[in-house]
Amino acid sequence: MRTLCSSRQRGFAVAIMAVIGVGALASPVGRADAAVKLGETFEPTGNCSPRTRLQSGFPGGQYAAPFSGVITSWSFQSSSGGGQSPLTLKIGRSAGGNDFTIVAESEGEAIPDDDAFFTFPVRISVQVGDVIGIAALPPSVFLCTRSTLGYVVQQGPFGEDVAVGTTATFIPMNDQQLDVSATLEPDTDSDGFGDETQDKCVGTAGTANGCPSAVTIDKLKQKGDTRVKVTATVPGAGTLVVGSAADPALASAAARSLKAVTQTLSSTSKEQVSLKLKLTKSAAARLRNVGKLKLRVKAVYTPPGGPAGSQTKKKKLKS
């Protein structure tokens, strides 16, 4: 999936410090309280042969991650007449000197010979100080840089796509800037989902769009002779269903004690949800006739795109 725009997107610099030079990079310092834009896109003018490139030197530090988080998209400005090549976003980590380890990458994306701006969604976890770059696959030669004072592009071995987990020596090219940008979002619960656009349960780690399949019944309170108030804690967005533990498939309608209630949850934060459930006619009659009733209440939470989780608690009602 990609987004195509007629005009290029402007990146903004992150307030961090970087040492500009061959293979020299200072660890940036930043607050992980909002998304930031890494790098910069522009109409490139410099030819790029097939290889992996990293932006290791940059005034203002805008090509390095100022905090550990998740890259949720990356962008490239193609140039008319610049050739075609599958492009891959690369994440590099300094291994000392001119050596860098490729720690992550995106899928390869086909870039046509157009004067257009492309954005691709990704989900890539990075650490403070990791730098972004791109890799072009053979055989195409295309445009991907421009001449800019103070910038340093590190070039990997010619014709090679340096694989994730590989440490290689990169040759420095002074006063060269890469045409690539990326959006970095905080990941406060370290589950690999960006807090602003990907994580549906911010602050609670999980694998289903950032959500766990977990729910907690905090309190059960009798409300008169026909209702029960159920208070439950959910980790974020999804669906909450509360009813009898036997409802709906494990018992006949006559055996159910509560009429189930379903609530759709839109908040991405952990929250307490209170629902008032009504006793079935048969359960209300038993409570009136016998003077007491044993309930088994079940709460089922289903996160977006994940399996359901549940908890069951017992409650004794008195008339």
C-alpha atoms as a PDB file:
ATOM      1  CA  MET A   1       0.000   0.000   0.000  1.00  0.00           C
ATOM      2  CA  ARG A   2       1.348   3.478  -0.831  1.00  0.00           C
ATOM      3  CA  THR A   3       0.243   7.084  -0.890  1.00  0.00           C
ATOM      4  CA  LEU A   4       1.041   9.197  -3.965  1.00  0.00           C
ATOM      5  CA  CYS A   5       1.065  12.981  -3.706  1.00  0.00           C
ATOM      6  CA  SER A   6       1.626  15.629  -6.350  1.00  0.00           C
ATOM      7  CA  SER A   7       3.885  17.773  -4.152  1.00  0.00           C
ATOM      8  CA  ARG A   8       6.599  16.680  -1.816  1.00  0.00           C
ATOM      9  CA  GLN A   9       6.184  16.615   1.919  1.00  0.00           C
ATOM     10  CA  ARG A  10       8.413  18.768   4.032  1.00  0.00           C
ATOM     11  CA  GLY A  11      10.205  17.195   6.965  1.00  0.00           C
ATOM     12  CA  PHE A  12      11.023  19.099  10.117  1.00  0.00           C
ATOM     13  CA  ALA A  13      14.241  18.899  12.104  1.00  0.00           C
ATOM     14  CA  VAL A  14      14.405  17.174  15.485  1.00  0.00           C
ATOM     15  CA  ALA A  15      16.204  19.112  18.194  1.00  0.00           C
ATOM     16  CA  ILE A  16      19.118  16.749  18.757  1.00  0.00           C
ATOM     17  CA  MET A  17      22.889  16.925  18.344  1.00  0.00           C
ATOM     18  CA  ALA A  18      24.975  14.924  15.900  1.00  0.00           C
ATOM     19  CA  VAL A  19      28.690  14.936  15.198  1.00  0.00           C
ATOM     20  CA  ILE A  20      29.209  15.510  11.483  1.00  0.00           C
ATOM     21  CA  GLY A  21      32.048  13.475  10.040  1.00  0.00           C
ATOM     22  CA  VAL A  22      33.076  10.142   8.647  1.00  0.00           C
ATOM     23  CA  GLY A  23      31.454   7.435  10.738  1.00  0.00           C
ATOM     24  CA  ALA A  24      31.001   9.788  13.720  1.00  0.00           C
ATOM     25  CA  LEU A  25      27.558  10.004  15.280  1.00  0.00           C
ATOM     26  CA  ALA A  26      26.482  11.419  18.632  1.00  0.00           C
ATOM     27  CA  SER A  27      23.582   9.850  20.508  1.00  0.00           C
ATOM     28  CA  PRO A  28      20.591  12.180  20.117  1.00  0.00           C
ATOM     29  CA  VAL A  29      18.484  13.196  23.052  1.00  0.00           C
ATOM     30  CA  GLY A  30      14.751  13.701  22.762  1.00  0.00           C
ATOM     31  CA  ARG A  31      11.369  13.243  24.436  1.00  0.00           C
ATOM     32  CA  ALA A  32       9.111  10.475  23.246  1.00  0.00           C
ATOM     33  CA  ASP A  33       5.880  12.435  23.653  1.00  0.00           C
ATOM     34  CA  ALA A  34       4.916  12.962  20.014  1.00  0.00           C
ATOM     35  CA  ALA A  35       5.702  11.737  16.529  1.00  0.00           C
ATOM     36  CA  VAL A  36       8.660  13.306  14.736  1.00  0.00           C
ATOM     37  CA  LYS A  37       9.802  13.373  11.140  1.00  0.00           C
ATOM     38  CA  LEU A  38      13.211  11.881  10.369  1.00  0.00           C
ATOM     39  CA  GLY A  39      15.145  12.866   7.263  1.00  0.00           C
ATOM     40  CA  GLU A  40      14.014  14.976   4.340  1.00  0.00           C
ATOM     41  CA  THR A  41      12.541  14.440   0.895  1.00  0.00           C
ATOM     42  CA  PHE A  42      13.342  16.583  -2.142  1.00  0.00           C
ATOM     43  CA  GLU A  43      13.730  16.288  -5.894  1.00  0.00           C
ATOM     44  CA  PRO A  44      17.017  14.381  -6.177  1.00  0.00           C
ATOM     45  CA  THR A  45      19.716  15.185  -8.720  1.00  0.00           C
ATOM     46  CA  GLY A  46      22.498  12.715  -7.924  1.00  0.00           C
ATOM     47  CA  ASN A  47      22.783   9.290  -9.581  1.00  0.00           C
ATOM     48  CA  CYS A  48      22.682   6.294  -7.256  1.00  0.00           C
ATOM     49  CA  SER A  49      24.017   2.899  -8.287  1.00  0.00           C
ATOM     50  CA  PRO A  50      22.558  -0.231  -6.659  1.00  0.00           C
ATOM     51  CA  ARG A  51      23.793  -0.484  -3.060  1.00  0.00           C
ATOM     52  CA  THR A  52      22.802   0.310   0.532  1.00  0.00           C
ATOM     53  CA  ARG A  53      23.193   3.899   1.707  1.00  0.00           C
ATOM     54  CA  LEU A  54      22.872   5.452   5.174  1.00  0.00           C
ATOM     55  CA  GLN A  55      22.767   9.128   6.123  1.00  0.00           C
ATOM     56  CA  SER A  56      25.417   9.203   8.848  1.00  0.00           C
ATOM     57  CA  GLY A  57      26.224  12.914   8.936  1.00  0.00           C
ATOM     58  CA  PHE A  58      23.577  15.613   9.158  1.00  0.00           C
ATOM     59  CA  PRO A  59      23.246  19.079  10.704  1.00  0.00           C
ATOM     60  CA  GLY A  60      20.471  19.104  13.290  1.00  0.00           C
ATOM     61  CA  GLY A  61      20.413  15.322  13.570  1.00  0.00           C
ATOM     62  CA  GLN A  62      17.219  14.883  11.568  1.00  0.00           C
ATOM     63  CA  TYR A  63      18.170  11.499  10.088  1.00  0.00           C
ATOM     64  CA  ALA A  64      18.673   9.809  13.489  1.00  0.00           C
ATOM     65  CA  ALA A  65      16.063   8.570  15.953  1.00  0.00           C
ATOM     66  CA  PRO A  66      15.907  10.952  18.947  1.00  0.00           C
ATOM     67  CA  PHE A  67      14.125   8.301  21.023  1.00  0.00           C
ATOM     68  CA  SER A  68      13.363   4.590  20.866  1.00  0.00           C
ATOM     69  CA  GLY A  69      10.062   4.036  19.115  1.00  0.00           C
ATOM     70  CA  VAL A  70       8.397   2.748  15.965  1.00  0.00           C
ATOM     71  CA  ILE A  71       8.751   4.011  12.399  1.00  0.00           C
ATOM     72  CA  THR A  72       5.225   3.930  10.989  1.00  0.00           C
ATOM     73  CA  SER A  73       5.843   5.192   7.445  1.00  0.00           C
ATOM     74  CA  TRP A  74       8.626   6.254   5.110  1.00  0.00           C
ATOM     75  CA  SER A  75       8.707   8.505   2.056  1.00  0.00           C
ATOM     76  CA  PHE A  76      10.685   9.089  -1.130  1.00  0.00           C
ATOM     77  CA  GLN A  77      10.511  11.806  -3.801  1.00  0.00           C
ATOM     78  CA  SER A  78      11.102  10.301  -7.240  1.00  0.00           C
ATOM     79  CA  SER A  79      12.473  12.320 -10.126  1.00  0.00           C
ATOM     80  CA  SER A  80      11.338  12.218 -13.727  1.00  0.00           C
ATOM     81  CA  GLY A  81      14.044  10.637 -15.872  1.00  0.00           C
ATOM     82  CA  GLY A  82      15.722   9.157 -12.829  1.00  0.00           C
ATOM     83  CA  GLY A  83      15.270   5.511 -13.758  1.00  0.00           C
ATOM     84  CA  GLN A  84      13.425   2.784 -11.901  1.00  0.00           C
ATOM     85  CA  SER A  85      14.465   0.649  -8.971  1.00  0.00           C
ATOM     86  CA  PRO A  86      12.885  -1.292  -6.105  1.00  0.00           C
ATOM     87  CA  LEU A  87      13.672   0.681  -2.960  1.00  0.00           C
ATOM     88  CA  THR A  88      13.926  -0.521   0.642  1.00  0.00           C
ATOM     89  CA  LEU A  89      14.073   1.592   3.787  1.00  0.00           C
ATOM     90  CA  LYS A  90      17.142   0.592   5.817  1.00  0.00           C
ATOM     91  CA  ILE A  91      17.863   1.192   9.498  1.00  0.00           C
ATOM     92  CA  GLY A  92      21.537   1.351  10.434  1.00  0.00           C
ATOM     93  CA  ARG A  93      23.292   1.314  13.795  1.00  0.00           C
ATOM     94  CA  SER A  94      26.865   2.505  14.257  1.00  0.00           C
ATOM     95  CA  ALA A  95      29.342  -0.304  14.929  1.00  0.00           C
ATOM     96  CA  GLY A  96      32.318   2.084  15.228  1.00  0.00           C
ATOM     97  CA  GLY A  97      34.329   3.918  12.591  1.00  0.00           C
ATOM     98  CA  ASN A  98      32.806   3.418   9.151  1.00  0.00           C
ATOM     99  CA  ASP A  99      31.102   0.166  10.158  1.00  0.00           C
ATOM    100  CA  PHE A 100      27.336  -0.027  10.475  1.00  0.00           C
ATOM    101  CA  THR A 101      24.973  -2.877  11.290  1.00  0.00           C
ATOM    102  CA  ILE A 102      21.684  -3.051   9.410  1.00  0.00           C
ATOM    103  CA  VAL A 103      19.174  -3.716  12.192  1.00  0.00           C
ATOM    104  CA  ALA A 104      15.875  -3.485  10.282  1.00  0.00           C
ATOM    105  CA  GLU A 105      14.371  -2.883   6.872  1.00  0.00           C
ATOM    106  CA  SER A 106      11.072  -2.465   5.058  1.00  0.00           C
ATOM    107  CA  GLU A 107       9.754  -4.471   2.167  1.00  0.00           C
ATOM    108  CA  GLY A 108      11.025  -3.421  -1.253  1.00  0.00           C
ATOM    109  CA  GLU A 109       8.794  -0.933  -3.056  1.00  0.00           C
ATOM    110  CA  ALA A 110       8.663  -0.381  -6.806  1.00  0.00           C
ATOM    111  CA  ILE A 111       9.343   3.277  -7.666  1.00  0.00           C
ATOM    112  CA  PRO A 112       8.240   4.271 -11.173  1.00  0.00           C
ATOM    113  CA  ASP A 113       9.982   6.823 -13.369  1.00  0.00           C
ATOM    114  CA  ASP A 114       7.747   9.697 -12.230  1.00  0.00           C
ATOM    115  CA  ASP A 115       8.149  13.091 -10.645  1.00  0.00           C
ATOM    116  CA  ALA A 116       6.027  12.150  -7.637  1.00  0.00           C
ATOM    117  CA  PHE A 117       6.050  11.717  -3.866  1.00  0.00           C
ATOM    118  CA  PHE A 118       5.516   8.261  -2.347  1.00  0.00           C
ATOM    119  CA  THR A 119       4.702   7.220   1.223  1.00  0.00           C
ATOM    120  CA  PHE A 120       4.707   3.607   2.397  1.00  0.00           C
ATOM    121  CA  PRO A 121       3.304   2.295   5.722  1.00  0.00           C
ATOM    122  CA  VAL A 122       5.670   0.186   7.853  1.00  0.00           C
ATOM    123  CA  ARG A 123       6.089  -0.981  11.430  1.00  0.00           C
ATOM    124  CA  ILE A 124       9.761  -0.956  12.403  1.00  0.00           C
ATOM    125  CA  SER A 125      11.085  -0.632  15.965  1.00  0.00           C
ATOM    126  CA  VAL A 126      14.243   1.481  16.345  1.00  0.00           C
ATOM    127  CA  GLN A 127      16.547   2.589  19.132  1.00  0.00           C
ATOM    128  CA  VAL A 128      17.934   6.004  20.010  1.00  0.00           C
ATOM    129  CA  GLY A 129      20.631   6.980  17.496  1.00  0.00           C
ATOM    130  CA  ASP A 130      19.627   4.575  14.709  1.00  0.00           C
ATOM    131  CA  VAL A 131      19.890   6.260  11.301  1.00  0.00           C
ATOM    132  CA  ILE A 132      17.722   5.845   8.229  1.00  0.00           C
ATOM    133  CA  GLY A 133      18.814   5.102   4.678  1.00  0.00           C
ATOM    134  CA  ILE A 134      17.742   3.274   1.549  1.00  0.00           C
ATOM    135  CA  ALA A 135      18.859   0.333  -0.557  1.00  0.00           C
ATOM    136  CA  ALA A 136      18.369   0.053  -4.295  1.00  0.00           C
ATOM    137  CA  LEU A 137      18.374  -3.357  -5.908  1.00  0.00           C
ATOM    138  CA  PRO A 138      20.185  -4.145  -9.191  1.00  0.00           C
ATOM    139  CA  PRO A 139      20.171  -3.425 -12.041  1.00  0.00           C
ATOM    140  CA  SER A 140      18.647   0.063 -12.012  1.00  0.00           C
ATOM    141  CA  VAL A 141      20.536   3.311 -11.648  1.00  0.00           C
ATOM    142  CA  PHE A 142      18.378   6.161 -10.393  1.00  0.00           C
ATOM    143  CA  LEU A 143      18.428   9.557  -8.647  1.00  0.00           C
ATOM    144  CA  CYS A 144      18.367   9.589  -4.825  1.00  0.00           C
ATOM    145  CA  THR A 145      20.730  12.317  -3.513  1.00  0.00           C
ATOM    146  CA  ARG A 146      21.646  15.950  -3.835  1.00  0.00           C
ATOM    147  CA  SER A 147      24.761  17.928  -2.988  1.00  0.00           C
ATOM    148  CA  THR A 148      24.349  19.594   0.439  1.00  0.00           C
ATOM    149  CA  LEU A 149      27.185  20.961   2.571  1.00  0.00           C
ATOM    150  CA  GLY A 150      27.724  19.267   5.910  1.00  0.00           C
ATOM    151  CA  TYR A 151      25.919  16.016   5.087  1.00  0.00           C
ATOM    152  CA  VAL A 152      27.607  12.609   4.831  1.00  0.00           C
ATOM    153  CA  VAL A 153      26.204   9.553   3.063  1.00  0.00           C
ATOM    154  CA  GLN A 154      27.791   6.202   3.889  1.00  0.00           C
ATOM    155  CA  GLN A 155      27.756   3.821   0.935  1.00  0.00           C
ATOM    156  CA  GLY A 156      27.778   0.058   1.374  1.00  0.00           C
ATOM    157  CA  PRO A 157      29.469  -2.414  -0.979  1.00  0.00           C
ATOM    158  CA  PHE A 158      28.642  -1.815  -4.661  1.00  0.00           C
ATOM    159  CA  GLY A 159      25.768  -3.854  -6.035  1.00  0.00           C
ATOM    160  CA  GLU A 160      24.872  -5.330  -2.632  1.00  0.00           C
ATOM    161  CA  ASP A 161      21.786  -5.089  -0.486  1.00  0.00           C
ATOM    162  CA  VAL A 162      23.289  -5.305   3.021  1.00  0.00           C
ATOM    163  CA  ALA A 163      21.037  -7.748   4.872  1.00  0.00           C
ATOM    164  CA  VAL A 164      19.485  -7.271   8.309  1.00  0.00           C
ATOM    165  CA  GLY A 165      21.901  -8.448  10.989  1.00  0.00           C
ATOM    166  CA  THR A 166      24.942  -7.809   8.786  1.00  0.00           C
ATOM    167  CA  THR A 167      27.733  -5.428   9.763  1.00  0.00           C
ATOM    168  CA  ALA A 168      29.571  -3.888   6.801  1.00  0.00           C
ATOM    169  CA  THR A 169      32.060  -1.134   6.106  1.00  0.00           C
ATOM    170  CA  PHE A 170      30.418   1.881   4.469  1.00  0.00           C
ATOM    171  CA  ILE A 171      32.416   4.361   2.378  1.00  0.00           C
ATOM    172  CA  PRO A 172      31.757   8.019   3.308  1.00  0.00           C
ATOM    173  CA  MET A 173      30.650  10.497   0.654  1.00  0.00           C
ATOM    174  CA  ASN A 174      30.908  14.067   1.946  1.00  0.00           C
ATOM    175  CA  ASP A 175      28.376  16.793   1.181  1.00  0.00           C
ATOM    176  CA  GLN A 176      25.728  14.320  -0.005  1.00  0.00           C
ATOM    177  CA  GLN A 177      22.155  14.118   1.289  1.00  0.00           C
ATOM    178  CA  LEU A 178      19.730  11.201   0.880  1.00  0.00           C
ATOM    179  CA  ASP A 179      16.197  11.733  -0.409  1.00  0.00           C
ATOM    180  CA  VAL A 180      14.329   9.797   2.280  1.00  0.00           C
ATOM    181  CA  SER A 181      12.174  10.588   5.305  1.00  0.00           C
ATOM    182  CA  ALA A 182      10.293   8.586   7.918  1.00  0.00           C
ATOM    183  CA  THR A 183       7.735   9.130  10.664  1.00  0.00           C
ATOM    184  CA  LEU A 184       8.836   7.988  14.122  1.00  0.00           C
ATOM    185  CA  GLU A 185       6.189   7.531  16.826  1.00  0.00           C
ATOM    186  CA  PRO A 186       6.609   6.832  20.552  1.00  0.00           C
ATOM    187  CA  ASP A 187       6.020   3.276  21.748  1.00  0.00           C
ATOM    188  CA  THR A 188       5.451   3.751  25.461  1.00  0.00           C
ATOM    189  CA  ASP A 189       4.643   0.107  26.168  1.00  0.00           C
ATOM    190  CA  SER A 190       7.396  -1.309  23.898  1.00  0.00           C
ATOM    191  CA  ASP A 191       5.094  -3.659  21.997  1.00  0.00           C
ATOM    192  CA  GLY A 192       6.250  -2.646  18.520  1.00  0.00           C
ATOM    193  CA  PHE A 193       3.196  -0.543  17.606  1.00  0.00           C
ATOM    194  CA  GLY A 194       3.349   3.236  17.165  1.00  0.00           C
ATOM    195  CA  ASP A 195       1.282   4.991  19.829  1.00  0.00           C
ATOM    196  CA  GLU A 196      -0.367   7.557  17.560  1.00  0.00           C
ATOM    197  CA  THR A 197      -1.547   5.559  14.542  1.00  0.00           C
ATOM    198  CA  GLN A 198      -1.002   1.831  15.207  1.00  0.00           C
ATOM    199  CA  ASP A 199      -1.467   0.964  18.884  1.00  0.00           C
ATOM    200  CA  LYS A 200      -5.088   0.413  19.936  1.00  0.00           C
ATOM    201  CA  CYS A 201      -4.106  -0.097  23.587  1.00  0.00           C
ATOM    202  CA  VAL A 202      -1.565   2.589  24.392  1.00  0.00           C
ATOM    203  CA  GLY A 203       0.294   1.910  27.625  1.00  0.00           C
ATOM    204  CA  THR A 204      -0.565  -1.802  27.718  1.00  0.00           C
ATOM    205  CA  ALA A 205       1.593  -4.151  25.656  1.00  0.00           C
ATOM    206  CA  GLY A 206      -0.090  -6.644  23.347  1.00  0.00           C
ATOM    207  CA  THR A 207       0.248  -8.404  20.011  1.00  0.00           C
ATOM    208  CA  ALA A 208      -3.190  -7.679  18.503  1.00  0.00           C
ATOM    209  CA  ASN A 209      -2.705  -4.148  17.156  1.00  0.00           C
ATOM    210  CA  GLY A 210      -0.925  -3.446  20.426  1.00  0.00           C
ATOM    211  CA  CYS A 211      -3.644  -5.011  22.606  1.00  0.00           C
ATOM    212  CA  PRO A 212      -3.612  -8.037  24.916  1.00  0.00           C
ATOM    213  CA  SER A 213      -6.622 -10.336  25.177  1.00  0.00           C
ATOM    214  CA  ALA A 214      -7.265  -9.491  28.812  1.00  0.00           C
ATOM    215  CA  VAL A 215     -10.139  -8.126  30.894  1.00  0.00           C
ATOM    216  CA  THR A 216     -10.616  -7.787  34.646  1.00  0.00           C
ATOM    217  CA  ILE A 217     -13.938  -7.772  36.482  1.00  0.00           C
ATOM    218  CA  ASP A 218     -13.355  -5.268  39.276  1.00  0.00           C
ATOM    219  CA  LYS A 219     -16.745  -5.188  40.993  1.00  0.00           C
ATOM    220  CA  LEU A 220     -20.191  -6.785  40.947  1.00  0.00           C
ATOM    221  CA  LYS A 221     -22.967  -4.884  42.727  1.00  0.00           C
ATOM    222  CA  GLN A 222     -26.629  -5.781  43.112  1.00  0.00           C
ATOM    223  CA  LYS A 223     -29.034  -3.013  42.065  1.00  0.00           C
ATOM    224  CA  GLY A 224     -32.463  -3.856  43.420  1.00  0.00           C
ATOM    225  CA  ASP A 225     -34.149  -7.147  42.555  1.00  0.00           C
ATOM    226  CA  THR A 226     -33.637  -7.099  38.788  1.00  0.00           C
ATOM    227  CA  ARG A 227     -30.261  -5.560  37.948  1.00  0.00           C
ATOM    228  CA  VAL A 228     -26.530  -6.055  38.513  1.00  0.00           C
ATOM    229  CA  LYS A 229     -23.864  -3.425  37.951  1.00  0.00           C
ATOM    230  CA  VAL A 230     -20.638  -4.846  36.492  1.00  0.00           C
ATOM    231  CA  THR A 231     -17.436  -2.804  36.537  1.00  0.00           C
ATOM    232  CA  ALA A 232     -14.589  -4.130  34.392  1.00  0.00           C
ATOM    233  CA  THR A 233     -11.168  -2.858  33.280  1.00  0.00           C
ATOM    234  CA  VAL A 234     -10.198  -3.158  29.607  1.00  0.00           C
ATOM    235  CA  PRO A 235      -6.805  -2.271  28.043  1.00  0.00           C
ATOM    236  CA  GLY A 236      -8.142  -0.158  25.175  1.00  0.00           C
ATOM    237  CA  ALA A 237     -10.207  -0.318  22.003  1.00  0.00           C
ATOM    238  CA  GLY A 238     -12.259  -3.355  21.015  1.00  0.00           C
ATOM    239  CA  THR A 239     -15.505  -4.983  22.100  1.00  0.00           C
ATOM    240  CA  LEU A 240     -16.712  -5.881  25.592  1.00  0.00           C
ATOM    241  CA  VAL A 241     -19.529  -8.362  26.164  1.00  0.00           C
ATOM    242  CA  VAL A 242     -20.822  -9.050  29.686  1.00  0.00           C
ATOM    243  CA  GLY A 243     -23.425 -11.603  30.638  1.00  0.00           C
ATOM    244  CA  SER A 244     -23.978 -14.969  32.308  1.00  0.00           C
ATOM    245  CA  ALA A 245     -21.052 -17.346  32.171  1.00  0.00           C
ATOM    246  CA  ALA A 246     -23.358 -19.788  30.414  1.00  0.00           C
ATOM    247  CA  ASP A 247     -24.512 -17.217  27.857  1.00  0.00           C
ATOM    248  CA  PRO A 248     -25.063 -17.734  25.023  1.00  0.00           C
ATOM    249  CA  ALA A 249     -23.901 -21.199  23.956  1.00  0.00           C
ATOM    250  CA  LEU A 250     -23.408 -23.258  27.103  1.00  0.00           C
ATOM    251  CA  ALA A 251     -26.944 -23.432  28.391  1.00  0.00           C
ATOM    252  CA  SER A 252     -30.544 -23.072  27.384  1.00  0.00           C
ATOM    253  CA  ALA A 253     -32.244 -19.695  27.552  1.00  0.00           C
ATOM    254  CA  ALA A 254     -34.048 -20.781  30.716  1.00  0.00           C
ATOM    255  CA  ALA A 255     -30.706 -21.368  32.467  1.00  0.00           C
ATOM    256  CA  ARG A 256     -29.327 -17.914  31.757  1.00  0.00           C
ATOM    257  CA  SER A 257     -29.447 -15.459  34.601  1.00  0.00           C
ATOM    258  CA  LEU A 258     -28.468 -12.199  32.894  1.00  0.00           C
ATOM    259  CA  LYS A 259     -29.273 -10.514  29.628  1.00  0.00           C
ATOM    260  CA  ALA A 260     -25.930  -9.937  27.904  1.00  0.00           C
ATOM    261  CA  VAL A 261     -24.789  -6.381  27.114  1.00  0.00           C
ATOM    262  CA  THR A 262     -22.293  -5.482  24.373  1.00  0.00           C
ATOM    263  CA  GLN A 263     -20.281  -2.259  24.279  1.00  0.00           C
ATOM    264  CA  THR A 264     -17.934  -1.058  21.537  1.00  0.00           C
ATOM    265  CA  LEU A 265     -14.803   0.594  22.926  1.00  0.00           C
ATOM    266  CA  SER A 266     -13.111   3.392  20.980  1.00  0.00           C
ATOM    267  CA  SER A 267     -10.627   4.741  23.523  1.00  0.00           C
ATOM    268  CA  THR A 268      -7.047   3.502  23.084  1.00  0.00           C
ATOM    269  CA  SER A 269      -6.292   3.914  26.790  1.00  0.00           C
ATOM    270  CA  LYS A 270      -6.947   1.522  29.655  1.00  0.00           C
ATOM    271  CA  GLU A 271     -10.300   2.330  31.231  1.00  0.00           C
ATOM    272  CA  GLN A 272     -12.953   1.098  33.632  1.00  0.00           C
ATOM    273  CA  VAL A 273     -16.295   0.350  32.046  1.00  0.00           C
ATOM    274  CA  SER A 274     -19.526   0.068  34.055  1.00  0.00           C
ATOM    275  CA  LEU A 275     -22.512  -1.779  32.633  1.00  0.00           C
ATOM    276  CA  LYS A 276     -25.930  -2.418  34.147  1.00  0.00           C
ATOM    277  CA  LEU A 277     -27.252  -5.873  33.344  1.00  0.00           C
ATOM    278  CA  LYS A 278     -30.838  -6.994  33.799  1.00  0.00           C
ATOM    279  CA  LEU A 279     -31.796 -10.376  35.234  1.00  0.00           C
ATOM    280  CA  THR A 280     -33.772 -12.662  32.967  1.00  0.00           C
ATOM    281  CA  LYS A 281     -37.408 -13.213  33.910  1.00  0.00           C
ATOM    282  CA  SER A 282     -36.662 -16.715  35.200  1.00  0.00           C
ATOM    283  CA  ALA A 283     -33.709 -15.514  37.296  1.00  0.00           C
ATOM    284  CA  ALA A 284     -35.738 -12.618  38.752  1.00  0.00           C
ATOM    285  CA  ALA A 285     -38.512 -15.061  39.636  1.00  0.00           C
ATOM    286  CA  ARG A 286     -36.072 -17.403  41.408  1.00  0.00           C
ATOM    287  CA  LEU A 287     -34.660 -14.472  43.380  1.00  0.00           C
ATOM    288  CA  ARG A 288     -38.156 -13.424  44.511  1.00  0.00           C
ATOM    289  CA  ASN A 289     -39.309 -16.954  45.329  1.00  0.00           C
ATOM    290  CA  VAL A 290     -36.176 -18.306  47.039  1.00  0.00           C
ATOM    291  CA  GLY A 291     -34.784 -15.043  48.398  1.00  0.00           C
ATOM    292  CA  LYS A 292     -31.315 -15.590  46.970  1.00  0.00           C
ATOM    293  CA  LEU A 293     -29.596 -16.279  43.656  1.00  0.00           C
ATOM    294  CA  LYS A 294     -26.098 -17.377  42.696  1.00  0.00           C
ATOM    295  CA  LEU A 295     -24.705 -15.644  39.619  1.00  0.00           C
ATOM    296  CA  ARG A 296     -21.685 -16.445  37.450  1.00  0.00           C
ATOM    297  CA  VAL A 297     -20.874 -13.290  35.503  1.00  0.00           C
ATOM    298  CA  LYS A 298     -18.564 -13.436  32.505  1.00  0.00           C
ATOM    299  CA  ALA A 299     -16.822 -10.516  30.773  1.00  0.00           C
ATOM    300  CA  VAL A 300     -15.377 -11.116  27.296  1.00  0.00           C
ATOM    301  CA  TYR A 301     -13.031  -8.565  25.712  1.00  0.00           C
ATOM    302  CA  THR A 302     -12.020  -8.837  22.049  1.00  0.00           C
ATOM    303  CA  PRO A 303      -9.190  -6.562  20.859  1.00  0.00           C
ATOM    304  CA  PRO A 304      -9.083  -5.333  17.246  1.00  0.00           C
ATOM    305  CA  GLY A 305      -7.768  -8.141  15.087  1.00  0.00           C
ATOM    306  CA  GLY A 306      -7.071 -10.477  18.013  1.00  0.00           C
ATOM    307  CA  PRO A 307      -8.575 -13.360  19.967  1.00  0.00           C
ATOM    308  CA  ALA A 308     -11.004 -12.803  22.820  1.00  0.00           C
ATOM    309  CA  GLY A 309     -10.033 -12.938  26.481  1.00  0.00           C
ATOM    310  CA  SER A 310     -12.404 -13.393  29.406  1.00  0.00           C
ATOM    311  CA  GLN A 311     -12.853 -13.494  33.160  1.00  0.00           C
ATOM    312  CA  THR A 312     -15.649 -14.997  35.245  1.00  0.00           C
ATOM    313  CA  LYS A 313     -16.702 -14.035  38.776  1.00  0.00           C
ATOM    314  CA  LYS A 314     -19.420 -15.224  41.147  1.00  0.00           C
ATOM    315  CA  LYS A 315     -21.949 -13.081  42.979  1.00  0.00           C
ATOM    316  CA  LYS A 316     -24.694 -13.950  45.485  1.00  0.00           C
ATOM    317  CA  LEU A 317     -27.864 -11.869  45.215  1.00  0.00           C
ATOM    318  CA  LYS A 318     -30.432 -11.463  47.978  1.00  0.00           C
ATOM    319  CA  SER A 319     -33.997 -10.236  47.707  1.00  0.00           C
END
